[in-house]
């Protein structure tokens, strides 16, 4: 945001909202871009063969690890499941790379 503010000629003292600056510059919200990158990596992992090390390390967790007290931390696969549900995308589309890229694309405004 600092770069975008500098680009528009505003500082934090001007008290211009981030949404206004992103609209002026034509940049998509950072939350959507982060979700897009997370889903892009998920598609890459899904297209790998089942014996690939990246699939074993990312998609299969070790369940015998003792976790601390309190609420458990959000894991990568849980966040991907939430993203897929929020964007109404099924996992099976990830096997077709071109369809997956179209499904997860976040257009710039």
N, C-alpha and C. Protein backbone atom coordinates (compact mmCIF):
# COMPACT_ATOMS: atom_id res chain seq x y z
N UNK A 1 0.82 -1.19 0.00
CA UNK A 1 0.00 0.00 0.00
C UNK A 1 0.86 1.25 0.00
N UNK A 2 2.04 1.17 0.60
CA UNK A 2 2.90 2.35 0.62
C UNK A 2 3.30 2.75 -0.80
N UNK A 3 3.60 1.74 -1.62
CA UNK A 3 3.97 2.01 -3.01
C UNK A 3 2.79 2.62 -3.77
N UNK A 4 1.60 2.08 -3.55
CA UNK A 4 0.42 2.62 -4.24
C UNK A 4 0.12 4.04 -3.80
N UNK A 5 0.28 4.31 -2.50
CA UNK A 5 0.07 5.68 -2.00
C UNK A 5 1.07 6.64 -2.62
N UNK A 6 2.33 6.22 -2.70
CA UNK A 6 3.35 7.06 -3.30
C UNK A 6 3.03 7.30 -4.77
N UNK A 7 2.55 6.28 -5.45
CA UNK A 7 2.19 6.36 -6.85
C UNK A 7 1.07 7.38 -7.07
N UNK A 8 0.11 7.43 -6.13
CA UNK A 8 -1.01 8.38 -6.24
C UNK A 8 -0.68 9.76 -5.69
N UNK A 9 0.43 9.87 -4.97
CA UNK A 9 0.78 11.16 -4.39
C UNK A 9 0.13 11.42 -3.05
N UNK A 10 -0.27 10.38 -2.34
CA UNK A 10 -0.90 10.52 -1.03
C UNK A 10 0.01 9.93 0.03
N UNK A 11 -0.14 10.43 1.25
CA UNK A 11 0.54 9.86 2.40
C UNK A 11 -0.52 9.38 3.39
N UNK A 12 -0.08 8.72 4.46
CA UNK A 12 -1.02 8.27 5.49
C UNK A 12 -1.69 9.47 6.16
N UNK A 13 -1.01 10.58 6.22
CA UNK A 13 -1.59 11.78 6.85
C UNK A 13 -2.77 12.33 6.06
N UNK A 14 -2.85 12.01 4.77
CA UNK A 14 -3.98 12.47 3.96
C UNK A 14 -5.27 11.74 4.29
N UNK A 15 -5.18 10.63 5.01
CA UNK A 15 -6.33 9.85 5.46
C UNK A 15 -7.24 9.42 4.31
N UNK A 16 -6.62 8.89 3.26
CA UNK A 16 -7.37 8.35 2.13
C UNK A 16 -7.44 6.84 2.33
N UNK A 17 -8.63 6.27 2.21
CA UNK A 17 -8.82 4.83 2.44
C UNK A 17 -8.08 3.98 1.42
N UNK A 18 -7.68 2.80 1.86
CA UNK A 18 -6.96 1.87 0.99
C UNK A 18 -7.81 1.47 -0.21
N UNK A 19 -9.11 1.27 -0.01
CA UNK A 19 -9.98 0.88 -1.11
C UNK A 19 -10.01 1.93 -2.21
N UNK A 20 -10.01 3.20 -1.81
CA UNK A 20 -10.03 4.30 -2.78
C UNK A 20 -8.75 4.29 -3.60
N UNK A 21 -7.63 4.10 -2.93
CA UNK A 21 -6.35 4.09 -3.64
C UNK A 21 -6.25 2.89 -4.57
N UNK A 22 -6.70 1.71 -4.12
CA UNK A 22 -6.67 0.53 -4.98
C UNK A 22 -7.57 0.71 -6.19
N UNK A 23 -8.72 1.37 -6.02
CA UNK A 23 -9.61 1.63 -7.16
C UNK A 23 -8.97 2.58 -8.16
N UNK A 24 -8.30 3.61 -7.65
CA UNK A 24 -7.65 4.57 -8.55
C UNK A 24 -6.55 3.94 -9.37
N UNK A 25 -5.75 3.10 -8.72
CA UNK A 25 -4.62 2.50 -9.41
C UNK A 25 -5.07 1.31 -10.25
N UNK A 26 -6.17 0.66 -9.86
CA UNK A 26 -6.67 -0.50 -10.60
C UNK A 26 -6.03 -1.79 -10.16
N UNK A 27 -5.91 -1.98 -8.85
CA UNK A 27 -5.30 -3.18 -8.28
C UNK A 27 -6.36 -3.96 -7.54
N UNK A 28 -6.35 -5.28 -7.69
CA UNK A 28 -7.31 -6.15 -7.01
C UNK A 28 -6.99 -6.19 -5.51
N UNK A 29 -7.98 -6.47 -4.67
CA UNK A 29 -7.73 -6.59 -3.22
C UNK A 29 -6.71 -7.68 -2.90
N UNK A 30 -5.90 -7.43 -1.90
CA UNK A 30 -4.81 -8.34 -1.57
C UNK A 30 -5.34 -9.69 -1.09
N UNK A 31 -6.49 -9.72 -0.42
CA UNK A 31 -7.04 -10.99 0.06
C UNK A 31 -7.35 -11.92 -1.10
N UNK A 32 -7.93 -11.36 -2.16
CA UNK A 32 -8.26 -12.19 -3.33
C UNK A 32 -7.00 -12.68 -4.04
N UNK A 33 -5.98 -11.84 -4.10
CA UNK A 33 -4.73 -12.25 -4.73
C UNK A 33 -4.04 -13.35 -3.93
N UNK A 34 -4.08 -13.26 -2.60
CA UNK A 34 -3.49 -14.31 -1.77
C UNK A 34 -4.22 -15.63 -1.96
N UNK A 35 -5.55 -15.56 -2.02
CA UNK A 35 -6.34 -16.76 -2.26
C UNK A 35 -6.01 -17.35 -3.63
N UNK A 36 -5.86 -16.49 -4.62
CA UNK A 36 -5.52 -16.97 -5.96
C UNK A 36 -4.19 -17.69 -5.96
N UNK A 37 -3.19 -17.15 -5.30
CA UNK A 37 -1.88 -17.79 -5.26
C UNK A 37 -1.91 -19.10 -4.49
N UNK A 38 -2.67 -19.13 -3.40
CA UNK A 38 -2.80 -20.37 -2.64
C UNK A 38 -3.47 -21.45 -3.49
N UNK A 39 -4.53 -21.09 -4.22
CA UNK A 39 -5.22 -22.06 -5.07
C UNK A 39 -4.37 -22.46 -6.27
N UNK A 40 -3.53 -21.56 -6.77
CA UNK A 40 -2.65 -21.92 -7.87
C UNK A 40 -1.66 -22.99 -7.43
N UNK A 41 -1.11 -22.84 -6.22
CA UNK A 41 -0.20 -23.84 -5.69
C UNK A 41 -0.93 -25.16 -5.45
N UNK A 42 -2.18 -25.09 -4.97
CA UNK A 42 -2.97 -26.30 -4.76
C UNK A 42 -3.17 -27.04 -6.08
N UNK A 43 -3.45 -26.33 -7.16
CA UNK A 43 -3.60 -26.95 -8.46
C UNK A 43 -2.32 -27.64 -8.91
N UNK A 44 -1.18 -26.99 -8.64
CA UNK A 44 0.11 -27.59 -8.99
C UNK A 44 0.31 -28.89 -8.22
N UNK A 45 0.00 -28.88 -6.93
CA UNK A 45 0.17 -30.07 -6.09
C UNK A 45 -0.78 -31.17 -6.55
N UNK A 46 -2.01 -30.83 -6.90
CA UNK A 46 -2.98 -31.83 -7.33
C UNK A 46 -2.58 -32.51 -8.64
N UNK A 47 -1.91 -31.79 -9.52
CA UNK A 47 -1.53 -32.36 -10.81
C UNK A 47 -0.28 -33.24 -10.72
N UNK A 48 0.43 -33.19 -9.61
CA UNK A 48 1.61 -34.04 -9.44
C UNK A 48 1.19 -35.48 -9.22
N UNK A 49 2.06 -36.44 -9.55
CA UNK A 49 1.72 -37.84 -9.30
C UNK A 49 1.63 -38.12 -7.79
N UNK A 50 0.86 -39.14 -7.41
CA UNK A 50 0.67 -39.41 -5.97
C UNK A 50 1.96 -39.71 -5.21
N UNK A 51 2.98 -40.23 -5.87
CA UNK A 51 4.22 -40.56 -5.17
C UNK A 51 5.19 -39.38 -5.08
N UNK A 52 4.81 -38.23 -5.60
CA UNK A 52 5.69 -37.05 -5.56
C UNK A 52 5.88 -36.58 -4.13
N UNK A 53 7.09 -36.14 -3.78
CA UNK A 53 7.35 -35.68 -2.41
C UNK A 53 6.48 -34.50 -1.99
N UNK A 54 6.14 -33.62 -2.92
CA UNK A 54 5.35 -32.45 -2.56
C UNK A 54 3.94 -32.87 -2.13
N UNK A 55 3.41 -33.91 -2.72
CA UNK A 55 2.08 -34.39 -2.32
C UNK A 55 2.12 -35.03 -0.95
N UNK A 56 3.18 -35.77 -0.68
CA UNK A 56 3.29 -36.41 0.62
C UNK A 56 3.49 -35.38 1.73
N UNK A 57 4.21 -34.32 1.45
CA UNK A 57 4.49 -33.32 2.48
C UNK A 57 3.36 -32.35 2.72
N UNK A 58 2.58 -32.04 1.69
CA UNK A 58 1.55 -31.00 1.83
C UNK A 58 0.19 -31.58 2.16
N UNK A 59 -0.22 -32.61 1.45
CA UNK A 59 -1.58 -33.09 1.59
C UNK A 59 -1.78 -34.13 2.68
N UNK A 60 -0.72 -34.78 3.12
CA UNK A 60 -0.86 -35.80 4.15
C UNK A 60 -0.16 -35.32 5.43
N UNK A 61 -0.96 -35.13 6.46
CA UNK A 61 -0.42 -34.65 7.73
C UNK A 61 -0.10 -35.82 8.64
N UNK A 62 0.78 -35.57 9.57
CA UNK A 62 1.08 -36.55 10.60
C UNK A 62 0.12 -36.28 11.76
N UNK A 63 -0.67 -37.29 12.12
CA UNK A 63 -1.69 -37.08 13.14
C UNK A 63 -1.23 -37.37 14.56
N UNK A 64 -0.05 -37.94 14.73
CA UNK A 64 0.38 -38.28 16.08
C UNK A 64 1.17 -37.16 16.76
N UNK A 65 1.15 -35.97 16.22
CA UNK A 65 1.86 -34.84 16.79
C UNK A 65 1.00 -34.23 17.88
N UNK A 66 1.60 -34.00 19.06
CA UNK A 66 0.85 -33.41 20.17
C UNK A 66 0.78 -31.90 19.96
N UNK A 67 -0.43 -31.39 19.97
CA UNK A 67 -0.63 -29.96 19.79
C UNK A 67 -0.86 -29.31 21.15
N UNK A 68 -0.61 -28.03 21.21
CA UNK A 68 -0.77 -27.31 22.46
C UNK A 68 -2.23 -27.06 22.81
N UNK A 69 -2.42 -26.34 23.89
CA UNK A 69 -3.76 -26.03 24.35
C UNK A 69 -4.36 -24.93 23.49
N UNK A 70 -5.67 -24.81 23.59
CA UNK A 70 -6.37 -23.73 22.90
C UNK A 70 -6.78 -24.13 21.50
N UNK A 71 -7.20 -23.12 20.78
CA UNK A 71 -7.67 -23.34 19.41
C UNK A 71 -6.51 -23.74 18.53
N UNK A 72 -6.70 -24.75 17.70
CA UNK A 72 -5.64 -25.19 16.82
C UNK A 72 -5.46 -24.20 15.67
N UNK A 73 -4.26 -24.12 15.16
CA UNK A 73 -3.95 -23.18 14.09
C UNK A 73 -4.56 -23.66 12.78
N UNK A 74 -4.90 -22.72 11.93
CA UNK A 74 -5.47 -23.04 10.63
C UNK A 74 -4.37 -23.62 9.75
N UNK A 75 -4.58 -24.82 9.26
CA UNK A 75 -3.58 -25.46 8.41
C UNK A 75 -3.79 -25.05 6.96
N UNK A 76 -2.80 -25.34 6.13
CA UNK A 76 -2.86 -24.96 4.73
C UNK A 76 -4.02 -25.65 4.03
N UNK A 77 -4.19 -26.96 4.29
CA UNK A 77 -5.26 -27.67 3.60
C UNK A 77 -6.64 -27.22 4.06
N UNK A 78 -6.78 -26.82 5.32
CA UNK A 78 -8.05 -26.28 5.78
C UNK A 78 -8.37 -24.95 5.12
N UNK A 79 -7.34 -24.12 4.94
CA UNK A 79 -7.57 -22.83 4.28
C UNK A 79 -7.91 -23.03 2.80
N UNK A 80 -7.30 -24.03 2.15
CA UNK A 80 -7.62 -24.32 0.76
C UNK A 80 -9.06 -24.82 0.64
N UNK A 81 -9.47 -25.69 1.55
CA UNK A 81 -10.86 -26.17 1.53
C UNK A 81 -11.84 -25.01 1.69
N UNK A 82 -11.52 -24.09 2.58
CA UNK A 82 -12.38 -22.92 2.77
C UNK A 82 -12.42 -22.06 1.52
N UNK A 83 -11.26 -21.88 0.87
CA UNK A 83 -11.21 -21.08 -0.36
C UNK A 83 -12.02 -21.73 -1.47
N UNK A 84 -11.90 -23.05 -1.60
CA UNK A 84 -12.66 -23.76 -2.63
C UNK A 84 -14.16 -23.62 -2.39
N UNK A 85 -14.56 -23.70 -1.13
CA UNK A 85 -15.98 -23.57 -0.81
C UNK A 85 -16.47 -22.14 -1.05
N UNK A 86 -15.66 -21.15 -0.67
CA UNK A 86 -16.06 -19.75 -0.86
C UNK A 86 -16.17 -19.38 -2.33
N UNK A 87 -15.30 -19.93 -3.16
CA UNK A 87 -15.29 -19.60 -4.58
C UNK A 87 -16.11 -20.57 -5.42
N UNK A 88 -16.75 -21.56 -4.78
CA UNK A 88 -17.58 -22.57 -5.46
C UNK A 88 -16.82 -23.28 -6.58
N UNK A 89 -15.65 -23.81 -6.23
CA UNK A 89 -14.81 -24.54 -7.17
C UNK A 89 -14.62 -25.95 -6.63
N UNK A 90 -14.66 -26.95 -7.51
CA UNK A 90 -14.40 -28.32 -7.08
C UNK A 90 -12.94 -28.67 -7.30
N UNK A 91 -12.46 -29.65 -6.54
CA UNK A 91 -11.06 -30.07 -6.64
C UNK A 91 -10.73 -30.69 -7.99
N UNK A 92 -11.72 -31.31 -8.62
CA UNK A 92 -11.47 -32.05 -9.85
C UNK A 92 -11.06 -31.14 -11.01
N UNK A 93 -11.44 -29.87 -10.95
CA UNK A 93 -11.08 -28.93 -12.02
C UNK A 93 -9.57 -28.72 -12.05
N UNK A 94 -8.90 -28.92 -10.91
CA UNK A 94 -7.46 -28.68 -10.83
C UNK A 94 -6.65 -29.58 -11.76
N UNK A 95 -7.21 -30.69 -12.16
CA UNK A 95 -6.48 -31.60 -13.04
C UNK A 95 -6.37 -31.05 -14.47
N UNK A 96 -7.29 -30.19 -14.86
CA UNK A 96 -7.23 -29.53 -16.17
C UNK A 96 -6.65 -28.13 -15.95
N UNK A 97 -5.40 -27.94 -16.35
CA UNK A 97 -4.68 -26.72 -16.02
C UNK A 97 -5.33 -25.46 -16.58
N UNK A 98 -5.77 -25.49 -17.82
CA UNK A 98 -6.35 -24.28 -18.43
C UNK A 98 -7.68 -23.93 -17.76
N UNK A 99 -8.51 -24.92 -17.47
CA UNK A 99 -9.78 -24.64 -16.78
C UNK A 99 -9.53 -24.13 -15.37
N UNK A 100 -8.50 -24.68 -14.71
CA UNK A 100 -8.17 -24.25 -13.35
C UNK A 100 -7.71 -22.80 -13.33
N UNK A 101 -6.86 -22.42 -14.30
CA UNK A 101 -6.38 -21.04 -14.35
C UNK A 101 -7.54 -20.07 -14.57
N UNK A 102 -8.50 -20.46 -15.40
CA UNK A 102 -9.68 -19.61 -15.61
C UNK A 102 -10.54 -19.53 -14.36
N UNK A 103 -10.64 -20.62 -13.62
CA UNK A 103 -11.50 -20.65 -12.43
C UNK A 103 -10.95 -19.81 -11.31
N UNK A 104 -9.62 -19.76 -11.15
CA UNK A 104 -9.04 -19.04 -10.02
C UNK A 104 -8.56 -17.65 -10.38
N UNK A 105 -8.76 -17.22 -11.61
CA UNK A 105 -8.27 -15.92 -12.04
C UNK A 105 -8.98 -14.79 -11.30
N UNK A 106 -8.21 -13.83 -10.80
CA UNK A 106 -8.75 -12.62 -10.19
C UNK A 106 -8.45 -11.47 -11.14
N UNK A 107 -9.46 -10.97 -11.84
CA UNK A 107 -9.19 -9.90 -12.81
C UNK A 107 -8.86 -8.59 -12.11
N UNK A 108 -7.98 -7.85 -12.71
CA UNK A 108 -7.66 -6.52 -12.20
C UNK A 108 -8.80 -5.58 -12.58
N UNK A 109 -9.24 -4.74 -11.64
CA UNK A 109 -10.37 -3.85 -11.96
C UNK A 109 -10.06 -2.80 -13.01
